[in-house]
Amino acid sequence: MASRSSSKRPEAEGAVALCLYRVAQEALRNVTRHARARSARVSLERREALVVMRVVDDGCGFDGAAARFSGLGLVSLRERVRLLGGTMEVETEEAAGTTVTVSLPEGGRLAT
């Protein structure tokens, strides 16, 4: 029987990929539903041991303080990111667009 010794855990990497996909999906859904944006951009990069994704739009923005805990989509995304040991920031200002930034450990940290 062959054995693999690797510091990477495929299940954690899959969880990170799925999390990033879901965050991008929800952020872009919010752009199309609410932002009245002309454009949106998704970027993905590695920074040291992190995978960082940003979703930026040039839309109308919103009152971030009022929406911080109100939308089920944002709340569930924050929890999904937290369970993998990551962080999620939403920067927005009315009439100035929105930026969603997610940083996750490259190999993920599955909650137990």
C-alpha atoms as a PDB file:
ATOM      1  CA  MET A   1       0.000   0.000   0.000  1.00  0.00           C
ATOM      2  CA  ALA A   2       1.430   3.345  -1.020  1.00  0.00           C
ATOM      3  CA  SER A   3       1.496   6.188   1.434  1.00  0.00           C
ATOM      4  CA  ARG A   4       1.685   9.889   0.798  1.00  0.00           C
ATOM      5  CA  SER A   5       3.473  12.172   3.137  1.00  0.00           C
ATOM      6  CA  SER A   6       2.545  15.729   2.428  1.00  0.00           C
ATOM      7  CA  SER A   7       1.938  18.749   4.577  1.00  0.00           C
ATOM      8  CA  LYS A   8      -0.948  19.691   2.314  1.00  0.00           C
ATOM      9  CA  ARG A   9      -4.359  18.295   3.180  1.00  0.00           C
ATOM     10  CA  PRO A  10      -6.530  17.822   0.101  1.00  0.00           C
ATOM     11  CA  GLU A  11      -9.764  18.188   2.099  1.00  0.00           C
ATOM     12  CA  ALA A  12      -8.606  21.538   3.483  1.00  0.00           C
ATOM     13  CA  GLU A  13      -7.489  22.783   0.065  1.00  0.00           C
ATOM     14  CA  GLY A  14     -10.887  21.804  -1.347  1.00  0.00           C
ATOM     15  CA  ALA A  15     -12.614  23.653   1.485  1.00  0.00           C
ATOM     16  CA  VAL A  16     -10.559  26.797   0.756  1.00  0.00           C
ATOM     17  CA  ALA A  17     -11.395  26.611  -2.961  1.00  0.00           C
ATOM     18  CA  LEU A  18     -15.107  26.125  -2.221  1.00  0.00           C
ATOM     19  CA  CYS A  19     -15.101  28.992   0.277  1.00  0.00           C
ATOM     20  CA  LEU A  20     -13.482  31.358  -2.220  1.00  0.00           C
ATOM     21  CA  TYR A  21     -15.971  30.305  -4.889  1.00  0.00           C
ATOM     22  CA  ARG A  22     -18.948  30.923  -2.570  1.00  0.00           C
ATOM     23  CA  VAL A  23     -17.651  34.332  -1.476  1.00  0.00           C
ATOM     24  CA  ALA A  24     -17.084  35.397  -5.092  1.00  0.00           C
ATOM     25  CA  GLN A  25     -20.509  34.071  -6.059  1.00  0.00           C
ATOM     26  CA  GLU A  26     -22.314  35.978  -3.289  1.00  0.00           C
ATOM     27  CA  ALA A  27     -20.293  39.168  -3.774  1.00  0.00           C
ATOM     28  CA  LEU A  28     -21.002  39.190  -7.520  1.00  0.00           C
ATOM     29  CA  ARG A  29     -24.669  38.410  -6.863  1.00  0.00           C
ATOM     30  CA  ASN A  30     -24.779  41.469  -4.591  1.00  0.00           C
ATOM     31  CA  VAL A  31     -23.127  43.562  -7.317  1.00  0.00           C
ATOM     32  CA  THR A  32     -25.785  42.585  -9.854  1.00  0.00           C
ATOM     33  CA  ARG A  33     -28.709  42.964  -7.429  1.00  0.00           C
ATOM     34  CA  HIS A  34     -27.790  46.092  -5.516  1.00  0.00           C
ATOM     35  CA  ALA A  35     -24.696  47.977  -6.649  1.00  0.00           C
ATOM     36  CA  ARG A  36     -25.768  49.468  -9.984  1.00  0.00           C
ATOM     37  CA  ALA A  37     -22.107  49.012 -10.931  1.00  0.00           C
ATOM     38  CA  ARG A  38     -20.638  49.451 -14.390  1.00  0.00           C
ATOM     39  CA  SER A  39     -17.853  46.993 -13.623  1.00  0.00           C
ATOM     40  CA  ALA A  40     -16.612  44.485 -11.078  1.00  0.00           C
ATOM     41  CA  ARG A  41     -13.255  42.761 -10.759  1.00  0.00           C
ATOM     42  CA  VAL A  42     -12.180  39.591  -8.949  1.00  0.00           C
ATOM     43  CA  SER A  43      -8.508  39.050  -8.121  1.00  0.00           C
ATOM     44  CA  LEU A  44      -6.784  36.130  -6.467  1.00  0.00           C
ATOM     45  CA  GLU A  45      -3.211  36.074  -5.212  1.00  0.00           C
ATOM     46  CA  ARG A  46      -0.903  34.308  -2.805  1.00  0.00           C
ATOM     47  CA  ARG A  47       0.759  36.355  -0.077  1.00  0.00           C
ATOM     48  CA  GLU A  48       3.175  34.329   2.007  1.00  0.00           C
ATOM     49  CA  ALA A  49       1.026  31.484   3.426  1.00  0.00           C
ATOM     50  CA  LEU A  50      -2.291  33.145   2.555  1.00  0.00           C
ATOM     51  CA  VAL A  51      -4.647  33.061  -0.375  1.00  0.00           C
ATOM     52  CA  VAL A  52      -6.206  36.515  -0.792  1.00  0.00           C
ATOM     53  CA  MET A  53      -9.251  37.225  -2.941  1.00  0.00           C
ATOM     54  CA  ARG A  54     -10.685  40.658  -3.618  1.00  0.00           C
ATOM     55  CA  VAL A  55     -13.983  41.513  -5.276  1.00  0.00           C
ATOM     56  CA  VAL A  56     -14.163  45.204  -6.201  1.00  0.00           C
ATOM     57  CA  ASP A  57     -17.035  47.085  -7.817  1.00  0.00           C
ATOM     58  CA  ASP A  58     -17.581  50.685  -8.846  1.00  0.00           C
ATOM     59  CA  GLY A  59     -21.213  50.741  -7.776  1.00  0.00           C
ATOM     60  CA  CYS A  60     -23.264  52.824  -5.390  1.00  0.00           C
ATOM     61  CA  GLY A  61     -21.846  51.279  -2.204  1.00  0.00           C
ATOM     62  CA  PHE A  62     -23.919  51.107   0.960  1.00  0.00           C
ATOM     63  CA  ASP A  63     -23.929  52.045   4.614  1.00  0.00           C
ATOM     64  CA  GLY A  64     -21.495  49.415   5.865  1.00  0.00           C
ATOM     65  CA  ALA A  65     -22.254  50.016   9.544  1.00  0.00           C
ATOM     66  CA  ALA A  66     -25.950  49.338   9.030  1.00  0.00           C
ATOM     67  CA  ALA A  67     -25.399  46.243   6.885  1.00  0.00           C
ATOM     68  CA  ARG A  68     -22.549  44.677   8.880  1.00  0.00           C
ATOM     69  CA  PHE A  69     -24.711  42.125  10.680  1.00  0.00           C
ATOM     70  CA  SER A  70     -28.001  42.404   8.838  1.00  0.00           C
ATOM     71  CA  GLY A  71     -27.636  40.460   5.599  1.00  0.00           C
ATOM     72  CA  LEU A  72     -27.763  36.687   5.885  1.00  0.00           C
ATOM     73  CA  GLY A  73     -25.387  36.419   2.929  1.00  0.00           C
ATOM     74  CA  LEU A  74     -22.635  38.466   4.592  1.00  0.00           C
ATOM     75  CA  VAL A  75     -23.128  36.769   7.948  1.00  0.00           C
ATOM     76  CA  SER A  76     -22.928  33.266   6.477  1.00  0.00           C
ATOM     77  CA  LEU A  77     -19.868  34.181   4.390  1.00  0.00           C
ATOM     78  CA  ARG A  78     -18.068  35.576   7.431  1.00  0.00           C
ATOM     79  CA  GLU A  79     -18.785  32.357   9.311  1.00  0.00           C
ATOM     80  CA  ARG A  80     -17.618  30.168   6.420  1.00  0.00           C
ATOM     81  CA  VAL A  81     -14.355  32.140   6.241  1.00  0.00           C
ATOM     82  CA  ARG A  82     -13.902  32.087  10.036  1.00  0.00           C
ATOM     83  CA  LEU A  83     -14.254  28.289  10.155  1.00  0.00           C
ATOM     84  CA  LEU A  84     -11.246  28.028   7.837  1.00  0.00           C
ATOM     85  CA  GLY A  85      -9.153  30.354   9.983  1.00  0.00           C
ATOM     86  CA  GLY A  86      -9.519  33.332   7.671  1.00  0.00           C
ATOM     87  CA  THR A  87     -10.742  36.891   7.711  1.00  0.00           C
ATOM     88  CA  MET A  88     -13.241  38.803   5.597  1.00  0.00           C
ATOM     89  CA  GLU A  89     -13.382  42.578   5.310  1.00  0.00           C
ATOM     90  CA  VAL A  90     -16.025  44.639   3.551  1.00  0.00           C
ATOM     91  CA  GLU A  91     -15.024  48.194   2.695  1.00  0.00           C
ATOM     92  CA  THR A  92     -17.806  50.346   1.327  1.00  0.00           C
ATOM     93  CA  GLU A  93     -19.007  53.875   1.235  1.00  0.00           C
ATOM     94  CA  GLU A  94     -22.164  55.247  -0.272  1.00  0.00           C
ATOM     95  CA  ALA A  95     -21.555  56.324  -3.891  1.00  0.00           C
ATOM     96  CA  ALA A  96     -17.993  54.924  -3.795  1.00  0.00           C
ATOM     97  CA  GLY A  97     -18.280  51.200  -4.542  1.00  0.00           C
ATOM     98  CA  THR A  98     -17.485  48.161  -2.441  1.00  0.00           C
ATOM     99  CA  THR A  99     -14.453  45.944  -1.873  1.00  0.00           C
ATOM    100  CA  VAL A 100     -14.731  42.497  -0.287  1.00  0.00           C
ATOM    101  CA  THR A 101     -11.374  41.028   0.790  1.00  0.00           C
ATOM    102  CA  VAL A 102     -10.986  37.454   2.021  1.00  0.00           C
ATOM    103  CA  SER A 103      -7.713  36.075   3.382  1.00  0.00           C
ATOM    104  CA  LEU A 104      -7.430  32.351   4.048  1.00  0.00           C
ATOM    105  CA  PRO A 105      -4.541  30.163   5.164  1.00  0.00           C
ATOM    106  CA  GLU A 106      -3.266  28.420   2.040  1.00  0.00           C
ATOM    107  CA  GLY A 107      -3.958  24.921   3.351  1.00  0.00           C
ATOM    108  CA  GLY A 108      -7.030  25.931   5.309  1.00  0.00           C
ATOM    109  CA  ARG A 109      -7.810  25.059   8.876  1.00  0.00           C
ATOM    110  CA  LEU A 110     -10.812  22.813   9.101  1.00  0.00           C
ATOM    111  CA  ALA A 111     -12.909  23.390  12.207  1.00  0.00           C
ATOM    112  CA  THR A 112     -13.360  20.355  14.407  1.00  0.00           C
END
